[in-house]
Amino acid sequence: MLPVMLRQPAFAFLVGLSLMTAHAIAAEPASSTEPADNAPVATVKGHVISYAELQSQIRGKLDQQQELHDAQLQQLNASFARNRRATMQEEAGKLVDNRVLELEAASRKTTVAALQSSIKTAPITDAQVEAFYNERAARIGQPLVKVAPKIKEYLQTQASDKAKRAYFDSLRAKYQASVSIEPLREQVAATGPARGSENARITIVEFSDFECPYCGQFEPELKKLLEAYPTQVRLIYRNMPIPSLHPAAQKAAEAAICADKQGKFWEMHDTLFSEQSTLDVAALKEKAKRLGLDGAKFDVCLDKGEAVPALNDDLREAQRLGLEATPATFINGRFVNGAVSYDELNALIKDELGKASATARL
């Protein structure tokens, strides 16, 4: 039986669950003692239908319900653990930032508000807007003139946030302040096609879907990261297609695995993401031939489902981790949800390299 993730929208498990309902699912006690096999559950014209007969009739449905329940509970527990640790880190960081700001205000004989208002950023230029647009024009799909105001607003907000963070980090350094709460690190099997040095200090495991538009947006950010850290970062790709949302995703994932059997996973990977609008089986076979794969072997692999066992291994790992949507990424075990920007990835990489250096000095 395929993992439940193949049959159910992964992210939909938690939709509509309030916190109260979530606690109810986690805390609901098991039912009372099961009836005996010969216990009656119904009668028809004097004929008794036993509990054992009922069980044999509905066993498949009950197994599916148990699978769904287990997956929901796993996702709920994983989400709670991640959110709890993230909240602790965020709030501890706010306490530290507020404290160093108060110390700086006292040192300068001014107010906290005055210091905050003194953090300035240069206005975003039209050239910056155009450069941002040109890098993403194919994904944006609208003329520059239409989206320029929104791009400028987004870039200005990013610049402002970056300037504030840099200022607070300078104050933390000045007053020897730090947050000692470690990020949550999860055990993730780093198996699969890899890019980057085998001796890299940082391992990124990405769960992705070749038809997912957000995954498509995320790939250039990861590529940029690998280019920036060629010896320090290693990327592992794992499949998490969600066919209920992306009908062509599963076969696309199989195509990548079939290409991997011929040593051309990354060539297929890059092609699939650059051509997300053409992922039907015929198009997948055409891509394989264009990439120089043995077409006959590839076609057999794809048509006979030879890649399915490897795909299911990825899906079982994704389900064990309670993943809800793609892209889902782990940086040295630290969970990153969604298609975050290069700047956010870079900040995490720098933090990890800093932690590694500090550990090495001990």
Protein backbone atom coordinates (compact mmCIF):
# COMPACT_ATOMS: atom_id res chain seq x y z
CA MET A 1 0.00 0.00 0.00
CA LEU A 2 1.33 3.43 -0.89
CA PRO A 3 1.91 5.93 1.90
CA VAL A 4 -1.13 8.01 2.75
CA MET A 5 0.61 11.10 1.37
CA LEU A 6 0.01 9.80 -2.14
CA ARG A 7 -3.71 9.64 -1.61
CA GLN A 8 -4.42 12.71 0.52
CA PRO A 9 -3.43 16.39 0.13
CA ALA A 10 -0.55 16.58 2.58
CA PHE A 11 -1.19 20.10 3.77
CA ALA A 12 -4.92 19.52 4.17
CA PHE A 13 -4.57 17.29 7.21
CA LEU A 14 -4.58 20.21 9.63
CA VAL A 15 -6.91 22.58 7.78
CA GLY A 16 -9.85 23.50 9.97
CA LEU A 17 -8.36 22.11 13.18
CA SER A 18 -8.55 24.62 15.99
CA LEU A 19 -6.10 24.33 18.86
CA MET A 20 -8.85 22.84 20.98
CA THR A 21 -9.59 20.21 18.36
CA ALA A 22 -5.90 19.47 18.02
CA HIS A 23 -5.61 18.79 21.74
CA ALA A 24 -8.69 16.62 21.54
CA ILE A 25 -7.13 14.47 18.79
CA ALA A 26 -3.92 14.07 20.75
CA ALA A 27 -5.62 13.32 24.05
CA GLU A 28 -8.64 11.27 23.01
CA PRO A 29 -8.55 7.99 24.98
CA ALA A 30 -8.70 4.63 23.29
CA SER A 31 -12.08 2.99 23.07
CA SER A 32 -13.24 0.53 25.72
CA THR A 33 -12.45 -3.16 25.50
CA GLU A 34 -13.18 -4.65 22.09
CA PRO A 35 -16.21 -6.98 21.94
CA ALA A 36 -15.64 -10.70 21.64
CA ASP A 37 -15.55 -12.09 18.10
CA ASN A 38 -18.89 -13.82 18.57
CA ALA A 39 -20.57 -10.79 20.11
CA PRO A 40 -23.65 -9.72 18.09
CA VAL A 41 -23.57 -6.33 16.36
CA ALA A 42 -26.81 -6.71 14.38
CA THR A 43 -29.56 -9.16 13.51
CA VAL A 44 -31.50 -9.76 10.28
CA LYS A 45 -34.58 -12.05 10.48
CA GLY A 46 -33.09 -13.82 13.46
CA HIS A 47 -29.64 -14.16 11.88
CA VAL A 48 -26.95 -12.71 14.10
CA ILE A 49 -24.16 -10.69 12.53
CA SER A 50 -21.09 -11.06 14.73
CA TYR A 51 -18.37 -8.61 15.59
CA ALA A 52 -15.87 -10.81 13.73
CA GLU A 53 -18.00 -10.64 10.56
CA LEU A 54 -18.19 -6.88 10.83
CA GLN A 55 -14.44 -6.65 11.29
CA SER A 56 -13.72 -8.74 8.21
CA GLN A 57 -16.05 -6.53 6.19
CA ILE A 58 -14.53 -3.19 7.18
CA ARG A 59 -10.90 -4.04 7.98
CA GLY A 60 -9.59 -2.16 4.93
CA LYS A 61 -11.50 1.00 5.81
CA LEU A 62 -10.39 0.84 9.43
CA ASP A 63 -6.76 0.44 8.35
CA GLN A 64 -7.07 3.52 6.11
CA GLN A 65 -8.59 5.50 8.99
CA GLN A 66 -5.74 4.40 11.25
CA GLU A 67 -3.17 5.47 8.64
CA LEU A 68 -4.82 8.87 8.30
CA HIS A 69 -5.05 9.29 12.07
CA ASP A 70 -1.39 8.38 12.56
CA ALA A 71 -0.32 10.80 9.83
CA GLN A 72 -2.43 13.62 11.30
CA LEU A 73 -1.04 13.01 14.77
CA GLN A 74 2.52 12.86 13.49
CA GLN A 75 2.08 16.15 11.66
CA LEU A 76 0.43 17.75 14.66
CA ASN A 77 3.21 16.69 17.03
CA ALA A 78 5.95 17.78 14.61
CA SER A 79 4.30 21.14 13.99
CA PHE A 80 3.84 21.75 17.72
CA ALA A 81 7.48 20.92 18.51
CA ARG A 82 8.79 23.19 15.73
CA ASN A 83 6.48 26.08 16.57
CA ARG A 84 7.19 25.83 20.29
CA ARG A 85 10.96 26.00 19.86
CA ALA A 86 10.71 28.74 17.24
CA THR A 87 8.52 30.82 19.58
CA MET A 88 10.98 30.39 22.44
CA GLN A 89 13.89 31.48 20.22
CA GLU A 90 12.00 34.42 18.76
CA GLU A 91 10.82 35.75 22.11
CA ALA A 92 14.23 35.26 23.72
CA GLY A 93 15.70 37.22 20.82
CA LYS A 94 13.21 40.04 21.36
CA LEU A 95 14.10 40.19 25.05
CA VAL A 96 17.79 40.43 24.20
CA ASP A 97 17.23 43.08 21.51
CA ASN A 98 15.09 45.17 23.85
CA ARG A 99 17.68 44.93 26.61
CA VAL A 100 20.67 45.96 24.46
CA LEU A 101 18.62 48.80 23.00
CA GLU A 102 17.86 50.05 26.51
CA LEU A 103 21.55 49.84 27.43
CA GLU A 104 22.53 51.78 24.30
CA ALA A 105 19.88 54.43 24.97
CA ALA A 106 21.15 54.87 28.53
CA SER A 107 24.74 55.05 27.27
CA ARG A 108 23.88 57.77 24.76
CA LYS A 109 21.48 59.57 27.12
CA THR A 110 18.65 59.28 24.64
CA THR A 111 15.47 57.25 24.23
CA VAL A 112 14.78 53.84 22.74
CA ALA A 113 12.35 55.42 20.28
CA ALA A 114 15.01 57.87 19.09
CA LEU A 115 17.48 55.06 18.48
CA GLN A 116 14.91 53.05 16.55
CA SER A 117 14.01 56.00 14.36
CA SER A 118 17.69 56.58 13.60
CA ILE A 119 17.95 53.30 11.70
CA LYS A 120 17.77 54.43 8.09
CA THR A 121 17.84 52.62 4.75
CA ALA A 122 18.54 54.04 1.33
CA PRO A 123 15.55 54.23 -1.03
CA ILE A 124 15.25 51.34 -3.47
CA THR A 125 16.19 52.46 -6.99
CA ASP A 126 14.49 51.65 -10.27
CA ALA A 127 17.63 49.75 -11.27
CA GLN A 128 17.27 47.46 -8.24
CA VAL A 129 13.61 46.85 -9.07
CA GLU A 130 14.48 46.01 -12.67
CA ALA A 131 17.28 43.67 -11.64
CA PHE A 132 14.96 41.84 -9.23
CA TYR A 133 12.31 41.57 -11.95
CA ASN A 134 14.72 40.32 -14.63
CA GLU A 135 15.87 37.44 -12.41
CA ARG A 136 12.26 36.31 -11.93
CA ALA A 137 10.46 37.52 -15.05
CA ALA A 138 9.44 34.04 -16.20
CA ARG A 139 7.91 33.19 -12.83
CA ILE A 140 6.25 36.60 -12.35
CA GLY A 141 4.56 36.39 -15.73
CA GLN A 142 3.49 40.05 -15.81
CA PRO A 143 5.08 43.17 -17.37
CA LEU A 144 7.50 45.14 -15.20
CA VAL A 145 5.40 48.30 -15.30
CA LYS A 146 2.52 46.47 -13.64
CA VAL A 147 4.45 44.89 -10.78
CA ALA A 148 7.18 47.51 -10.21
CA PRO A 149 5.41 49.26 -7.27
CA LYS A 150 4.90 46.01 -5.40
CA ILE A 151 8.48 44.92 -6.07
CA LYS A 152 9.80 48.26 -4.78
CA GLU A 153 7.67 48.00 -1.63
CA TYR A 154 8.86 44.44 -1.03
CA LEU A 155 12.53 45.34 -1.53
CA GLN A 156 12.21 48.39 0.73
CA THR A 157 10.71 46.27 3.48
CA GLN A 158 13.48 43.69 3.06
CA ALA A 159 16.14 46.40 3.21
CA SER A 160 14.58 47.95 6.31
CA ASP A 161 14.40 44.58 8.09
CA LYS A 162 17.99 43.84 7.14
CA ALA A 163 19.20 47.21 8.45
CA LYS A 164 17.37 46.73 11.75
CA ARG A 165 18.80 43.26 12.17
CA ALA A 166 22.31 44.50 11.43
CA TYR A 167 21.91 47.28 14.02
CA PHE A 168 20.65 44.93 16.72
CA ASP A 169 23.44 42.46 15.93
CA SER A 170 25.99 45.24 16.37
CA LEU A 171 24.49 46.06 19.77
CA ARG A 172 24.54 42.39 20.75
CA ALA A 173 28.23 42.27 19.90
CA LYS A 174 28.90 45.51 21.82
CA TYR A 175 27.14 44.30 24.97
CA GLN A 176 28.22 40.67 24.64
CA ALA A 177 24.64 39.50 24.33
CA SER A 178 23.47 36.23 22.82
CA VAL A 179 20.58 33.78 22.81
CA SER A 180 21.58 30.38 24.15
CA ILE A 181 18.39 28.50 23.25
CA GLU A 182 19.47 26.10 20.52
CA PRO A 183 17.27 25.59 17.46
CA LEU A 184 15.36 22.35 17.21
CA ARG A 185 17.35 19.80 15.23
CA GLU A 186 15.55 16.83 13.76
CA GLN A 187 17.04 13.56 12.61
CA VAL A 188 16.61 13.46 8.83
CA ALA A 189 17.93 10.68 6.62
CA ALA A 190 20.35 12.43 4.26
CA THR A 191 20.07 9.88 1.48
CA GLY A 192 19.50 10.67 -2.17
CA PRO A 193 21.08 12.61 -5.05
CA ALA A 194 23.54 15.18 -3.76
CA ARG A 195 25.25 18.38 -4.85
CA GLY A 196 28.22 19.86 -3.06
CA SER A 197 31.23 18.59 -1.16
CA GLU A 198 30.97 15.33 0.76
CA ASN A 199 33.00 17.00 3.52
CA ALA A 200 30.69 20.01 3.81
CA ARG A 201 29.94 21.28 7.30
CA ILE A 202 26.33 21.92 6.39
CA THR A 203 23.90 19.40 4.94
CA ILE A 204 20.63 20.58 3.44
CA VAL A 205 17.90 18.01 2.86
CA GLU A 206 15.14 19.32 0.60
CA PHE A 207 11.75 17.63 0.14
CA SER A 208 10.25 18.94 -3.08
CA ASP A 209 7.63 18.50 -5.81
CA PHE A 210 8.60 19.08 -9.45
CA GLU A 211 5.19 20.57 -10.33
CA CYS A 212 4.93 22.81 -7.25
CA PRO A 213 5.33 26.48 -8.29
CA TYR A 214 6.82 27.41 -4.91
CA CYS A 215 9.42 24.67 -5.30
CA GLY A 216 10.22 26.15 -8.70
CA GLN A 217 10.74 29.56 -7.08
CA PHE A 218 12.94 28.03 -4.38
CA GLU A 219 15.39 26.23 -6.67
CA PRO A 220 17.28 29.35 -7.88
CA GLU A 221 17.74 30.41 -4.25
CA LEU A 222 19.30 27.04 -3.40
CA LYS A 223 21.46 27.15 -6.50
CA LYS A 224 22.71 30.61 -5.53
CA LEU A 225 23.50 29.29 -2.04
CA LEU A 226 25.54 26.38 -3.43
CA GLU A 227 27.47 28.78 -5.63
CA ALA A 228 28.22 30.99 -2.62
CA TYR A 229 29.35 28.05 -0.45
CA PRO A 230 30.81 25.45 -2.86
CA THR A 231 32.76 23.52 -0.20
CA GLN A 232 30.71 24.25 2.90
CA VAL A 233 27.19 23.27 1.82
CA ARG A 234 25.87 19.95 0.53
CA LEU A 235 22.33 19.58 -0.85
CA ILE A 236 20.35 16.33 -0.77
CA TYR A 237 17.16 16.11 -2.85
CA ARG A 238 14.21 13.96 -1.73
CA ASN A 239 10.87 13.63 -3.50
CA MET A 240 7.54 14.64 -2.01
CA PRO A 241 5.04 14.87 -4.88
CA ILE A 242 1.45 15.73 -3.95
CA PRO A 243 -0.60 14.36 -6.88
CA SER A 244 -3.90 15.62 -5.49
CA LEU A 245 -2.57 19.15 -6.09
CA HIS A 246 -0.12 18.47 -8.90
CA PRO A 247 -1.32 15.59 -11.12
CA ALA A 248 1.96 15.25 -13.03
CA ALA A 249 4.20 15.42 -9.98
CA GLN A 250 4.46 11.72 -9.21
CA LYS A 251 5.52 10.69 -12.72
CA ALA A 252 7.94 13.61 -12.80
CA ALA A 253 9.50 12.35 -9.56
CA GLU A 254 9.73 8.86 -11.06
CA ALA A 255 11.39 10.36 -14.16
CA ALA A 256 14.06 12.00 -12.00
CA ILE A 257 14.74 8.70 -10.23
CA CYS A 258 14.91 6.88 -13.57
CA ALA A 259 17.39 9.50 -14.79
CA ASP A 260 19.41 8.98 -11.61
CA LYS A 261 19.76 5.30 -12.52
CA GLN A 262 21.65 6.52 -15.61
CA GLY A 263 23.72 9.09 -13.70
CA LYS A 264 21.80 12.16 -14.85
CA PHE A 265 19.56 13.08 -11.95
CA TRP A 266 20.59 16.72 -11.70
CA GLU A 267 20.30 17.27 -15.43
CA MET A 268 16.73 15.96 -15.27
CA HIS A 269 16.07 17.85 -12.03
CA ASP A 270 17.07 21.18 -13.55
CA THR A 271 15.12 20.51 -16.75
CA LEU A 272 11.94 19.54 -14.89
CA PHE A 273 12.00 22.72 -12.83
CA SER A 274 12.75 24.92 -15.83
CA GLU A 275 9.93 23.29 -17.82
CA GLN A 276 7.24 22.80 -15.17
CA SER A 277 4.41 23.33 -17.66
CA THR A 278 5.29 20.16 -19.63
CA LEU A 279 5.48 17.20 -17.26
CA ASP A 280 3.19 14.66 -18.93
CA VAL A 281 4.66 11.21 -19.65
CA ALA A 282 5.35 11.93 -23.33
CA ALA A 283 7.16 15.15 -22.39
CA LEU A 284 9.18 13.34 -19.73
CA LYS A 285 10.37 10.79 -22.31
CA GLU A 286 11.26 13.58 -24.72
CA LYS A 287 13.31 15.33 -22.04
CA ALA A 288 15.17 12.10 -21.30
CA LYS A 289 16.19 11.69 -24.93
CA ARG A 290 17.17 15.35 -25.17
CA LEU A 291 19.42 14.90 -22.14
CA GLY A 292 21.17 11.98 -23.78
CA LEU A 293 19.72 9.16 -21.68
CA ASP A 294 19.16 5.68 -23.07
CA GLY A 295 15.55 6.21 -24.19
CA ALA A 296 14.57 2.54 -24.16
CA LYS A 297 15.82 1.95 -20.62
CA PHE A 298 14.26 5.19 -19.40
CA ASP A 299 10.88 4.36 -20.96
CA VAL A 300 10.83 0.90 -19.36
CA CYS A 301 11.79 2.37 -15.98
CA LEU A 302 9.02 4.96 -16.20
CA ASP A 303 6.31 2.73 -17.70
CA LYS A 304 6.87 -0.22 -15.34
CA GLY A 305 7.11 1.86 -12.17
CA GLU A 306 10.66 0.81 -11.40
CA ALA A 307 11.23 4.08 -9.53
CA VAL A 308 8.22 3.67 -7.23
CA PRO A 309 10.05 1.85 -4.37
CA ALA A 310 12.65 4.64 -4.12
CA LEU A 311 9.90 7.26 -4.33
CA ASN A 312 7.98 5.58 -1.54
CA ASP A 313 11.11 5.62 0.65
CA ASP A 314 11.16 9.41 0.31
CA LEU A 315 7.45 9.68 1.03
CA ARG A 316 7.71 7.52 4.14
CA GLU A 317 10.50 9.74 5.44
CA ALA A 318 8.44 12.85 4.69
CA GLN A 319 5.47 11.34 6.50
CA ARG A 320 7.64 10.32 9.48
CA LEU A 321 8.77 13.92 9.74
CA GLY A 322 5.18 15.14 9.63
CA LEU A 323 5.71 17.31 6.56
CA GLU A 324 2.64 19.12 5.31
CA ALA A 325 3.65 20.92 2.12
CA THR A 326 6.52 21.62 -0.23
CA PRO A 327 9.19 22.81 -0.30
CA ALA A 328 10.21 21.55 3.14
CA THR A 329 13.90 21.86 3.96
CA PHE A 330 16.22 20.89 6.78
CA ILE A 331 19.54 22.70 7.30
CA ASN A 332 21.65 20.56 9.61
CA GLY A 333 18.32 19.32 10.93
CA ARG A 334 16.79 22.80 11.34
CA PHE A 335 13.39 22.94 9.65
CA VAL A 336 12.76 25.62 7.04
CA ASN A 337 9.16 25.93 5.86
CA GLY A 338 8.37 27.06 2.33
CA ALA A 339 10.20 28.94 -0.41
CA VAL A 340 12.28 31.34 1.67
CA SER A 341 14.65 33.87 0.12
CA TYR A 342 18.39 33.57 -0.42
CA ASP A 343 18.97 36.14 2.32
CA GLU A 344 17.08 33.99 4.82
CA LEU A 345 18.98 30.88 3.74
CA ASN A 346 22.28 32.75 3.88
CA ALA A 347 21.56 33.95 7.42
CA LEU A 348 20.97 30.36 8.52
CA ILE A 349 24.14 29.15 6.80
CA LYS A 350 26.21 31.86 8.48
CA ASP A 351 24.68 30.97 11.83
CA GLU A 352 25.50 27.29 11.32
CA LEU A 353 29.07 28.05 10.25
CA GLY A 354 29.45 30.27 13.30
CA LYS A 355 28.22 27.51 15.57
CA ALA A 356 30.60 25.04 13.92
CA SER A 357 33.54 27.41 14.39
CA ALA A 358 32.64 28.02 18.04
CA THR A 359 32.45 24.27 18.66
CA ALA A 360 35.81 23.73 16.97
CA ARG A 361 37.42 26.29 19.29
CA LEU A 362 36.24 24.49 22.44
